[in-house]
PDB file of N, CA and C in Angstrom:
ATOM      1  N   UNK A   1      26.718  52.184  30.347  1.00  0.00           N
ATOM      2  CA  UNK A   1      28.003  51.595  30.649  1.00  0.00           C
ATOM      3  C   UNK A   1      29.010  52.067  29.607  1.00  0.00           C
ATOM      4  N   UNK A   2      30.177  52.460  30.045  1.00  0.00           N
ATOM      5  CA  UNK A   2      31.211  52.892  29.108  1.00  0.00           C
ATOM      6  C   UNK A   2      32.381  51.914  29.167  1.00  0.00           C
ATOM      7  N   UNK A   3      33.052  51.774  28.051  1.00  0.00           N
ATOM      8  CA  UNK A   3      34.192  50.864  27.975  1.00  0.00           C
ATOM      9  C   UNK A   3      35.439  51.572  28.493  1.00  0.00           C
ATOM     10  N   UNK A   4      36.187  50.915  29.332  1.00  0.00           N
ATOM     11  CA  UNK A   4      37.417  51.471  29.879  1.00  0.00           C
ATOM     12  C   UNK A   4      38.634  50.975  29.105  1.00  0.00           C
ATOM     13  N   UNK A   5      38.436  50.023  28.211  1.00  0.00           N
ATOM     14  CA  UNK A   5      39.512  49.423  27.434  1.00  0.00           C
ATOM     15  C   UNK A   5      39.480  50.029  26.045  1.00  0.00           C
ATOM     16  N   UNK A   6      40.569  50.691  25.658  1.00  0.00           N
ATOM     17  CA  UNK A   6      40.596  51.367  24.370  1.00  0.00           C
ATOM     18  C   UNK A   6      41.771  50.951  23.506  1.00  0.00           C
ATOM     19  N   UNK A   7      41.984  51.651  22.408  1.00  0.00           N
ATOM     20  CA  UNK A   7      43.049  51.306  21.479  1.00  0.00           C
ATOM     21  C   UNK A   7      44.443  51.281  22.106  1.00  0.00           C
ATOM     22  N   UNK A   8      44.734  52.226  22.986  1.00  0.00           N
ATOM     23  CA  UNK A   8      46.054  52.214  23.637  1.00  0.00           C
ATOM     24  C   UNK A   8      46.245  50.947  24.463  1.00  0.00           C
ATOM     25  N   UNK A   9      45.187  50.521  25.130  1.00  0.00           N
ATOM     26  CA  UNK A   9      45.259  49.294  25.929  1.00  0.00           C
ATOM     27  C   UNK A   9      45.481  48.076  25.035  1.00  0.00           C
ATOM     28  N   UNK A  10      44.805  48.040  23.892  1.00  0.00           N
ATOM     29  CA  UNK A  10      44.964  46.922  22.967  1.00  0.00           C
ATOM     30  C   UNK A  10      46.382  46.891  22.409  1.00  0.00           C
ATOM     31  N   UNK A  11      46.953  48.053  22.162  1.00  0.00           N
ATOM     32  CA  UNK A  11      48.332  48.105  21.674  1.00  0.00           C
ATOM     33  C   UNK A  11      49.307  47.598  22.741  1.00  0.00           C
ATOM     34  N   UNK A  12      49.015  47.861  23.991  1.00  0.00           N
ATOM     35  CA  UNK A  12      49.857  47.355  25.086  1.00  0.00           C
ATOM     36  C   UNK A  12      49.771  45.834  25.131  1.00  0.00           C
ATOM     37  N   UNK A  13      48.556  45.300  25.006  1.00  0.00           N
ATOM     38  CA  UNK A  13      48.375  43.845  24.977  1.00  0.00           C
ATOM     39  C   UNK A  13      49.137  43.252  23.799  1.00  0.00           C
ATOM     40  N   UNK A  14      48.999  43.882  22.631  1.00  0.00           N
ATOM     41  CA  UNK A  14      49.693  43.405  21.426  1.00  0.00           C
ATOM     42  C   UNK A  14      51.196  43.351  21.669  1.00  0.00           C
ATOM     43  N   UNK A  15      51.756  44.392  22.260  1.00  0.00           N
ATOM     44  CA  UNK A  15      53.202  44.429  22.500  1.00  0.00           C
ATOM     45  C   UNK A  15      53.636  43.370  23.507  1.00  0.00           C
ATOM     46  N   UNK A  16      52.827  43.120  24.511  1.00  0.00           N
ATOM     47  CA  UNK A  16      53.178  42.082  25.490  1.00  0.00           C
ATOM     48  C   UNK A  16      53.196  40.701  24.854  1.00  0.00           C
ATOM     49  N   UNK A  17      52.269  40.447  23.942  1.00  0.00           N
ATOM     50  CA  UNK A  17      52.252  39.159  23.242  1.00  0.00           C
ATOM     51  C   UNK A  17      53.478  39.050  22.343  1.00  0.00           C
ATOM     52  N   UNK A  18      53.842  40.142  21.671  1.00  0.00           N
ATOM     53  CA  UNK A  18      55.048  40.159  20.838  1.00  0.00           C
ATOM     54  C   UNK A  18      56.277  39.893  21.699  1.00  0.00           C
ATOM     55  N   UNK A  19      56.369  40.585  22.838  1.00  0.00           N
ATOM     56  CA  UNK A  19      57.527  40.446  23.722  1.00  0.00           C
ATOM     57  C   UNK A  19      57.667  39.038  24.291  1.00  0.00           C
ATOM     58  N   UNK A  20      56.562  38.311  24.359  1.00  0.00           N
ATOM     59  CA  UNK A  20      56.642  36.945  24.890  1.00  0.00           C
ATOM     60  C   UNK A  20      57.132  35.955  23.832  1.00  0.00           C
ATOM     61  N   UNK A  21      57.433  36.453  22.607  1.00  0.00           N
ATOM     62  CA  UNK A  21      58.062  35.625  21.594  1.00  0.00           C
ATOM     63  C   UNK A  21      57.131  34.919  20.629  1.00  0.00           C
ATOM     64  N   UNK A  22      55.870  35.298  20.601  1.00  0.00           N
ATOM     65  CA  UNK A  22      54.922  34.656  19.692  1.00  0.00           C
ATOM     66  C   UNK A  22      55.107  35.158  18.268  1.00  0.00           C
ATOM     67  N   UNK A  23      54.696  34.354  17.306  1.00  0.00           N
ATOM     68  CA  UNK A  23      54.777  34.740  15.899  1.00  0.00           C
ATOM     69  C   UNK A  23      53.752  35.820  15.596  1.00  0.00           C
ATOM     70  N   UNK A  24      53.920  36.483  14.442  1.00  0.00           N
ATOM     71  CA  UNK A  24      52.950  37.503  14.037  1.00  0.00           C
ATOM     72  C   UNK A  24      51.559  36.917  13.941  1.00  0.00           C
ATOM     73  N   UNK A  25      51.467  35.702  13.421  1.00  0.00           N
ATOM     74  CA  UNK A  25      50.146  35.072  13.297  1.00  0.00           C
ATOM     75  C   UNK A  25      49.499  34.893  14.662  1.00  0.00           C
ATOM     76  N   UNK A  26      50.269  34.404  15.639  1.00  0.00           N
ATOM     77  CA  UNK A  26      49.721  34.238  16.991  1.00  0.00           C
ATOM     78  C   UNK A  26      49.324  35.585  17.593  1.00  0.00           C
ATOM     79  N   UNK A  27      50.163  36.588  17.377  1.00  0.00           N
ATOM     80  CA  UNK A  27      49.862  37.924  17.900  1.00  0.00           C
ATOM     81  C   UNK A  27      48.543  38.417  17.314  1.00  0.00           C
ATOM     82  N   UNK A  28      48.435  38.330  15.990  1.00  0.00           N
ATOM     83  CA  UNK A  28      47.223  38.822  15.327  1.00  0.00           C
ATOM     84  C   UNK A  28      46.001  37.993  15.689  1.00  0.00           C
ATOM     85  N   UNK A  29      46.166  36.675  15.856  1.00  0.00           N
ATOM     86  CA  UNK A  29      45.043  35.840  16.293  1.00  0.00           C
ATOM     87  C   UNK A  29      44.536  36.280  17.660  1.00  0.00           C
ATOM     88  N   UNK A  30      45.466  36.581  18.571  1.00  0.00           N
ATOM     89  CA  UNK A  30      45.062  37.004  19.914  1.00  0.00           C
ATOM     90  C   UNK A  30      44.396  38.380  19.898  1.00  0.00           C
ATOM     91  N   UNK A  31      44.910  39.296  19.095  1.00  0.00           N
ATOM     92  CA  UNK A  31      44.310  40.624  19.007  1.00  0.00           C
ATOM     93  C   UNK A  31      42.913  40.519  18.403  1.00  0.00           C
ATOM     94  N   UNK A  32      42.765  39.687  17.387  1.00  0.00           N
ATOM     95  CA  UNK A  32      41.440  39.500  16.783  1.00  0.00           C
ATOM     96  C   UNK A  32      40.468  38.849  17.759  1.00  0.00           C
ATOM     97  N   UNK A  33      40.965  37.991  18.628  1.00  0.00           N
ATOM     98  CA  UNK A  33      40.116  37.364  19.649  1.00  0.00           C
ATOM     99  C   UNK A  33      39.567  38.434  20.597  1.00  0.00           C
ATOM    100  N   UNK A  34      40.409  39.385  20.989  1.00  0.00           N
ATOM    101  CA  UNK A  34      39.954  40.482  21.856  1.00  0.00           C
ATOM    102  C   UNK A  34      38.887  41.300  21.133  1.00  0.00           C
ATOM    103  N   UNK A  35      39.135  41.582  19.860  1.00  0.00           N
ATOM    104  CA  UNK A  35      38.137  42.342  19.093  1.00  0.00           C
ATOM    105  C   UNK A  35      36.803  41.607  19.022  1.00  0.00           C
ATOM    106  N   UNK A  36      36.854  40.281  18.826  1.00  0.00           N
ATOM    107  CA  UNK A  36      35.609  39.503  18.755  1.00  0.00           C
ATOM    108  C   UNK A  36      34.861  39.546  20.084  1.00  0.00           C
ATOM    109  N   UNK A  37      35.571  39.585  21.186  1.00  0.00           N
ATOM    110  CA  UNK A  37      34.923  39.695  22.502  1.00  0.00           C
ATOM    111  C   UNK A  37      34.148  41.012  22.577  1.00  0.00           C
ATOM    112  N   UNK A  38      34.781  42.085  22.129  1.00  0.00           N
ATOM    113  CA  UNK A  38      34.113  43.387  22.149  1.00  0.00           C
ATOM    114  C   UNK A  38      32.950  43.424  21.164  1.00  0.00           C
ATOM    115  N   UNK A  39      33.120  42.772  20.026  1.00  0.00           N
ATOM    116  CA  UNK A  39      32.017  42.702  19.053  1.00  0.00           C
ATOM    117  C   UNK A  39      30.820  41.984  19.665  1.00  0.00           C
ATOM    118  N   UNK A  40      31.078  40.904  20.389  1.00  0.00           N
ATOM    119  CA  UNK A  40      30.002  40.170  21.062  1.00  0.00           C
ATOM    120  C   UNK A  40      29.319  41.080  22.089  1.00  0.00           C
ATOM    121  N   UNK A  41      30.118  41.846  22.820  1.00  0.00           N
ATOM    122  CA  UNK A  41      29.555  42.737  23.835  1.00  0.00           C
ATOM    123  C   UNK A  41      28.676  43.814  23.200  1.00  0.00           C
ATOM    124  N   UNK A  42      29.093  44.314  22.030  1.00  0.00           N
ATOM    125  CA  UNK A  42      28.261  45.290  21.315  1.00  0.00           C
ATOM    126  C   UNK A  42      26.980  44.626  20.841  1.00  0.00           C
ATOM    127  N   UNK A  43      27.104  43.427  20.283  1.00  0.00           N
ATOM    128  CA  UNK A  43      25.938  42.698  19.777  1.00  0.00           C
ATOM    129  C   UNK A  43      24.898  42.473  20.868  1.00  0.00           C
ATOM    130  N   UNK A  44      25.369  42.264  22.082  1.00  0.00           N
ATOM    131  CA  UNK A  44      24.469  42.019  23.208  1.00  0.00           C
ATOM    132  C   UNK A  44      24.183  43.281  24.021  1.00  0.00           C
ATOM    133  N   UNK A  45      24.496  44.429  23.424  1.00  0.00           N
ATOM    134  CA  UNK A  45      24.208  45.741  24.003  1.00  0.00           C
ATOM    135  C   UNK A  45      24.783  45.926  25.405  1.00  0.00           C
ATOM    136  N   UNK A  46      25.978  45.388  25.611  1.00  0.00           N
ATOM    137  CA  UNK A  46      26.652  45.546  26.898  1.00  0.00           C
ATOM    138  C   UNK A  46      27.574  46.760  26.907  1.00  0.00           C
ATOM    139  N   UNK A  47      28.055  47.131  25.717  1.00  0.00           N
ATOM    140  CA  UNK A  47      28.922  48.299  25.581  1.00  0.00           C
ATOM    141  C   UNK A  47      28.502  49.064  24.327  1.00  0.00           C
ATOM    142  N   UNK A  48      28.874  50.338  24.241  1.00  0.00           N
ATOM    143  CA  UNK A  48      28.528  51.110  23.039  1.00  0.00           C
ATOM    144  C   UNK A  48      29.358  50.657  21.839  1.00  0.00           C
ATOM    145  N   UNK A  49      28.784  50.812  20.655  1.00  0.00           N
ATOM    146  CA  UNK A  49      29.442  50.382  19.422  1.00  0.00           C
ATOM    147  C   UNK A  49      30.767  51.110  19.215  1.00  0.00           C
ATOM    148  N   UNK A  50      30.894  52.320  19.722  1.00  0.00           N
ATOM    149  CA  UNK A  50      32.121  53.099  19.564  1.00  0.00           C
ATOM    150  C   UNK A  50      33.321  52.386  20.182  1.00  0.00           C
ATOM    151  N   UNK A  51      33.098  51.608  21.226  1.00  0.00           N
ATOM    152  CA  UNK A  51      34.203  50.883  21.869  1.00  0.00           C
ATOM    153  C   UNK A  51      34.792  49.852  20.912  1.00  0.00           C
ATOM    154  N   UNK A  52      33.934  49.115  20.239  1.00  0.00           N
ATOM    155  CA  UNK A  52      34.396  48.118  19.262  1.00  0.00           C
ATOM    156  C   UNK A  52      35.036  48.800  18.055  1.00  0.00           C
ATOM    157  N   UNK A  53      34.433  49.878  17.571  1.00  0.00           N
ATOM    158  CA  UNK A  53      34.969  50.585  16.411  1.00  0.00           C
ATOM    159  C   UNK A  53      36.357  51.141  16.702  1.00  0.00           C
ATOM    160  N   UNK A  54      36.580  51.600  17.917  1.00  0.00           N
ATOM    161  CA  UNK A  54      37.895  52.123  18.282  1.00  0.00           C
ATOM    162  C   UNK A  54      38.943  51.013  18.247  1.00  0.00           C
ATOM    163  N   UNK A  55      38.594  49.816  18.734  1.00  0.00           N
ATOM    164  CA  UNK A  55      39.545  48.704  18.721  1.00  0.00           C
ATOM    165  C   UNK A  55      39.798  48.199  17.306  1.00  0.00           C
ATOM    166  N   UNK A  56      38.796  48.298  16.450  1.00  0.00           N
ATOM    167  CA  UNK A  56      38.952  47.865  15.058  1.00  0.00           C
ATOM    168  C   UNK A  56      39.966  48.740  14.324  1.00  0.00           C
ATOM    169  N   UNK A  57      40.220  49.943  14.818  1.00  0.00           N
ATOM    170  CA  UNK A  57      41.172  50.847  14.187  1.00  0.00           C
ATOM    171  C   UNK A  57      42.619  50.473  14.461  1.00  0.00           C
ATOM    172  N   UNK A  58      42.862  49.626  15.451  1.00  0.00           N
ATOM    173  CA  UNK A  58      44.227  49.215  15.784  1.00  0.00           C
ATOM    174  C   UNK A  58      44.690  48.182  14.762  1.00  0.00           C
ATOM    175  N   UNK A  59      45.838  48.444  14.154  1.00  0.00           N
ATOM    176  CA  UNK A  59      46.350  47.532  13.126  1.00  0.00           C
ATOM    177  C   UNK A  59      46.943  46.277  13.757  1.00  0.00           C
ATOM    178  N   UNK A  60      47.077  45.266  12.945  1.00  0.00           N
ATOM    179  CA  UNK A  60      47.696  44.029  13.392  1.00  0.00           C
ATOM    180  C   UNK A  60      49.206  44.179  13.487  1.00  0.00           C
ATOM    181  N   UNK A  61      49.847  43.167  13.973  1.00  0.00           N
ATOM    182  CA  UNK A  61      51.291  43.180  14.134  1.00  0.00           C
ATOM    183  C   UNK A  61      51.980  42.962  12.790  1.00  0.00           C
ATOM    184  N   UNK A  62      53.042  43.689  12.562  1.00  0.00           N
ATOM    185  CA  UNK A  62      53.897  43.461  11.396  1.00  0.00           C
ATOM    186  C   UNK A  62      55.330  43.325  11.877  1.00  0.00           C
ATOM    187  N   UNK A  63      56.133  42.623  11.130  1.00  0.00           N
ATOM    188  CA  UNK A  63      57.525  42.416  11.525  1.00  0.00           C
ATOM    189  C   UNK A  63      58.253  43.747  11.683  1.00  0.00           C
ATOM    190  N   UNK A  64      58.028  44.636  10.748  1.00  0.00           N
ATOM    191  CA  UNK A  64      58.681  45.934  10.778  1.00  0.00           C
ATOM    192  C   UNK A  64      58.227  46.767  11.965  1.00  0.00           C
ATOM    193  N   UNK A  65      56.936  46.647  12.311  1.00  0.00           N
ATOM    194  CA  UNK A  65      56.370  47.498  13.347  1.00  0.00           C
ATOM    195  C   UNK A  65      56.927  47.184  14.733  1.00  0.00           C
ATOM    196  N   UNK A  66      56.948  45.908  15.085  1.00  0.00           N
ATOM    197  CA  UNK A  66      57.323  45.618  16.470  1.00  0.00           C
ATOM    198  C   UNK A  66      58.152  44.363  16.648  1.00  0.00           C
ATOM    199  N   UNK A  67      58.798  43.889  15.607  1.00  0.00           N
ATOM    200  CA  UNK A  67      59.798  42.856  15.757  1.00  0.00           C
ATOM    201  C   UNK A  67      59.306  41.464  16.077  1.00  0.00           C
ATOM    202  N   UNK A  68      58.021  41.166  15.916  1.00  0.00           N
ATOM    203  CA  UNK A  68      57.574  39.804  16.182  1.00  0.00           C
ATOM    204  C   UNK A  68      58.101  38.882  15.100  1.00  0.00           C
ATOM    205  N   UNK A  69      58.511  37.673  15.467  1.00  0.00           N
ATOM    206  CA  UNK A  69      59.047  36.773  14.458  1.00  0.00           C
ATOM    207  C   UNK A  69      57.954  36.345  13.499  1.00  0.00           C
ATOM    208  N   UNK A  70      58.295  36.213  12.245  1.00  0.00           N
ATOM    209  CA  UNK A  70      57.332  35.749  11.257  1.00  0.00           C
ATOM    210  C   UNK A  70      57.169  34.243  11.332  1.00  0.00           C
ATOM    211  N   UNK A  71      56.275  33.719  10.545  1.00  0.00           N
ATOM    212  CA  UNK A  71      56.053  32.275  10.529  1.00  0.00           C
ATOM    213  C   UNK A  71      57.291  31.524  10.095  1.00  0.00           C
ATOM    214  N   UNK A  72      58.141  32.171   9.267  1.00  0.00           N
ATOM    215  CA  UNK A  72      59.365  31.512   8.836  1.00  0.00           C
ATOM    216  C   UNK A  72      60.302  31.263  10.015  1.00  0.00           C
ATOM    217  N   UNK A  73      60.318  32.180  10.996  1.00  0.00           N
ATOM    218  CA  UNK A  73      61.154  31.986  12.174  1.00  0.00           C
ATOM    219  C   UNK A  73      60.622  30.839  13.023  1.00  0.00           C
ATOM    220  N   UNK A  74      59.314  30.732  13.121  1.00  0.00           N
ATOM    221  CA  UNK A  74      58.719  29.649  13.897  1.00  0.00           C
ATOM    222  C   UNK A  74      58.930  28.317  13.192  1.00  0.00           C
ATOM    223  N   UNK A  75      58.876  28.325  11.866  1.00  0.00           N
ATOM    224  CA  UNK A  75      59.091  27.095  11.115  1.00  0.00           C
ATOM    225  C   UNK A  75      60.520  26.608  11.303  1.00  0.00           C
ATOM    226  N   UNK A  76      61.459  27.530  11.461  1.00  0.00           N
ATOM    227  CA  UNK A  76      62.851  27.138  11.658  1.00  0.00           C
ATOM    228  C   UNK A  76      63.045  26.440  12.998  1.00  0.00           C
ATOM    229  N   UNK A  77      62.254  26.799  14.004  1.00  0.00           N
ATOM    230  CA  UNK A  77      62.358  26.162  15.321  1.00  0.00           C
ATOM    231  C   UNK A  77      61.682  24.808  15.347  1.00  0.00           C
ATOM    232  N   UNK A  78      60.755  24.575  14.436  1.00  0.00           N
ATOM    233  CA  UNK A  78      59.982  23.353  14.417  1.00  0.00           C
ATOM    234  C   UNK A  78      60.789  22.235  13.782  1.00  0.00           C
ATOM    235  N   UNK A  79      60.655  21.058  14.287  1.00  0.00           N
ATOM    236  CA  UNK A  79      61.346  19.907  13.720  1.00  0.00           C
ATOM    237  C   UNK A  79      60.804  19.610  12.334  1.00  0.00           C
ATOM    238  N   UNK A  80      61.670  19.173  11.436  1.00  0.00           N
ATOM    239  CA  UNK A  80      61.192  18.812  10.102  1.00  0.00           C
ATOM    240  C   UNK A  80      60.417  17.515  10.139  1.00  0.00           C
ATOM    241  N   UNK A  81      60.434  16.842  11.277  1.00  0.00           N
ATOM    242  CA  UNK A  81      59.726  15.578  11.427  1.00  0.00           C
ATOM    243  C   UNK A  81      58.424  15.740  12.205  1.00  0.00           C
ATOM    244  N   UNK A  82      57.908  16.936  12.260  1.00  0.00           N
ATOM    245  CA  UNK A  82      56.653  17.153  12.986  1.00  0.00           C
ATOM    246  C   UNK A  82      55.476  16.713  12.125  1.00  0.00           C
ATOM    247  N   UNK A  83      54.318  16.605  12.749  1.00  0.00           N
ATOM    248  CA  UNK A  83      53.127  16.230  11.982  1.00  0.00           C
ATOM    249  C   UNK A  83      52.004  17.212  12.280  1.00  0.00           C
ATOM    250  N   UNK A  84      51.024  17.207  11.437  1.00  0.00           N
ATOM    251  CA  UNK A  84      49.886  18.116  11.574  1.00  0.00           C
ATOM    252  C   UNK A  84      48.936  17.610  12.661  1.00  0.00           C
ATOM    253  N   UNK A  85      48.199  18.531  13.294  1.00  0.00           N
ATOM    254  CA  UNK A  85      47.264  18.135  14.353  1.00  0.00           C
ATOM    255  C   UNK A  85      46.249  17.094  13.904  1.00  0.00           C
ATOM    256  N   UNK A  86      45.794  17.166  12.661  1.00  0.00           N
ATOM    257  CA  UNK A  86      44.823  16.195  12.160  1.00  0.00           C
ATOM    258  C   UNK A  86      45.366  14.776  12.181  1.00  0.00           C
ATOM    259  N   UNK A  87      46.667  14.643  11.894  1.00  0.00           N
ATOM    260  CA  UNK A  87      47.299  13.320  11.929  1.00  0.00           C
ATOM    261  C   UNK A  87      47.342  12.776  13.354  1.00  0.00           C
ATOM    262  N   UNK A  88      47.601  13.659  14.316  1.00  0.00           N
ATOM    263  CA  UNK A  88      47.656  13.234  15.717  1.00  0.00           C
ATOM    264  C   UNK A  88      46.274  12.785  16.187  1.00  0.00           C
ATOM    265  N   UNK A  89      45.239  13.467  15.736  1.00  0.00           N
ATOM    266  CA  UNK A  89      43.877  13.149  16.167  1.00  0.00           C
ATOM    267  C   UNK A  89      43.430  11.761  15.714  1.00  0.00           C
ATOM    268  N   UNK A  90      43.911  11.296  14.569  1.00  0.00           N
ATOM    269  CA  UNK A  90      43.487   9.980  14.077  1.00  0.00           C
ATOM    270  C   UNK A  90      44.471   8.880  14.460  1.00  0.00           C
ATOM    271  N   UNK A  91      45.545   9.250  15.148  1.00  0.00           N
ATOM    272  CA  UNK A  91      46.556   8.284  15.552  1.00  0.00           C
ATOM    273  C   UNK A  91      46.033   7.398  16.684  1.00  0.00           C
ATOM    274  N   UNK A  92      46.380   6.112  16.615  1.00  0.00           N
ATOM    275  CA  UNK A  92      45.992   5.167  17.662  1.00  0.00           C
ATOM    276  C   UNK A  92      47.224   4.810  18.480  1.00  0.00           C
ATOM    277  N   UNK A  93      47.053   4.357  19.715  1.00  0.00           N
ATOM    278  CA  UNK A  93      48.208   3.985  20.532  1.00  0.00           C
ATOM    279  C   UNK A  93      49.103   2.941  19.858  1.00  0.00           C
ATOM    280  N   UNK A  94      48.510   2.040  19.093  1.00  0.00           N
ATOM    281  CA  UNK A  94      49.322   1.019  18.439  1.00  0.00           C
ATOM    282  C   UNK A  94      50.169   1.591  17.291  1.00  0.00           C
ATOM    283  N   UNK A  95      49.907   2.847  16.889  1.00  0.00           N
ATOM    284  CA  UNK A  95      50.669   3.494  15.821  1.00  0.00           C
ATOM    285  C   UNK A  95      51.935   4.181  16.337  1.00  0.00           C
ATOM    286  N   UNK A  96      52.117   4.229  17.645  1.00  0.00           N
ATOM    287  CA  UNK A  96      53.230   4.973  18.243  1.00  0.00           C
ATOM    288  C   UNK A  96      54.211   4.014  18.904  1.00  0.00           C
ATOM    289  N   UNK A  97      55.498   4.248  18.643  1.00  0.00           N
ATOM    290  CA  UNK A  97      56.579   3.506  19.280  1.00  0.00           C
ATOM    291  C   UNK A  97      57.412   4.497  20.078  1.00  0.00           C
ATOM    292  N   UNK A  98      57.635   4.212  21.361  1.00  0.00           N
ATOM    293  CA  UNK A  98      58.410   5.117  22.211  1.00  0.00           C
ATOM    294  C   UNK A  98      59.817   4.566  22.383  1.00  0.00           C
ATOM    295  N   UNK A  99      60.797   5.341  21.971  1.00  0.00           N
ATOM    296  CA  UNK A  99      62.203   4.984  22.167  1.00  0.00           C
ATOM    297  C   UNK A  99      62.860   6.144  22.890  1.00  0.00           C
ATOM    298  N   UNK A 100      63.275   5.913  24.130  1.00  0.00           N
ATOM    299  CA  UNK A 100      63.819   6.966  24.985  1.00  0.00           C
ATOM    300  C   UNK A 100      62.812   8.113  25.051  1.00  0.00           C
ATOM    301  N   UNK A 101      63.228   9.307  24.624  1.00  0.00           N
ATOM    302  CA  UNK A 101      62.324  10.456  24.644  1.00  0.00           C
ATOM    303  C   UNK A 101      61.747  10.745  23.267  1.00  0.00           C
ATOM    304  N   UNK A 102      62.001   9.862  22.302  1.00  0.00           N
ATOM    305  CA  UNK A 102      61.534  10.073  20.945  1.00  0.00           C
ATOM    306  C   UNK A 102      60.340   9.172  20.693  1.00  0.00           C
ATOM    307  N   UNK A 103      59.289   9.729  20.146  1.00  0.00           N
ATOM    308  CA  UNK A 103      58.099   8.970  19.790  1.00  0.00           C
ATOM    309  C   UNK A 103      58.075   8.846  18.277  1.00  0.00           C
ATOM    310  N   UNK A 104      57.972   7.630  17.781  1.00  0.00           N
ATOM    311  CA  UNK A 104      57.957   7.379  16.351  1.00  0.00           C
ATOM    312  C   UNK A 104      56.598   6.869  15.918  1.00  0.00           C
ATOM    313  N   UNK A 105      56.203   7.232  14.707  1.00  0.00           N
ATOM    314  CA  UNK A 105      54.937   6.737  14.148  1.00  0.00           C
ATOM    315  C   UNK A 105      55.198   6.211  12.745  1.00  0.00           C
ATOM    316  N   UNK A 106      54.242   5.472  12.270  1.00  0.00           N
ATOM    317  CA  UNK A 106      54.324   4.984  10.904  1.00  0.00           C
ATOM    318  C   UNK A 106      54.879   3.574  10.823  1.00  0.00           C
ATOM    319  N   UNK A 107      55.073   3.118   9.578  1.00  0.00           N
ATOM    320  CA  UNK A 107      55.534   1.739   9.384  1.00  0.00           C
ATOM    321  C   UNK A 107      56.953   1.518   9.833  1.00  0.00           C
TER     322      UNK A 107
END
């Protein structure tokens, strides 16, 4: 079995994720996820190792390379009153007050 997905294809995927407005971190996380899929396929002898090695040669996204917004741009869009996912996970219904479209937590 030969791999039909190569470095040029991965670069196209990377650019589409950038064009959809994701941060560099999100872009790189998604590209690394694709690489891990190919690594799994190599580990299970579904594709030749050369397919994974070729994808490993593709660099991650950089601001200079393809204009994806950095984490600072995403932080600017985020409310200063946001909370971390861990806080949401331990939150109970009695900890939340709903006023119009705003949800408040805390004392």
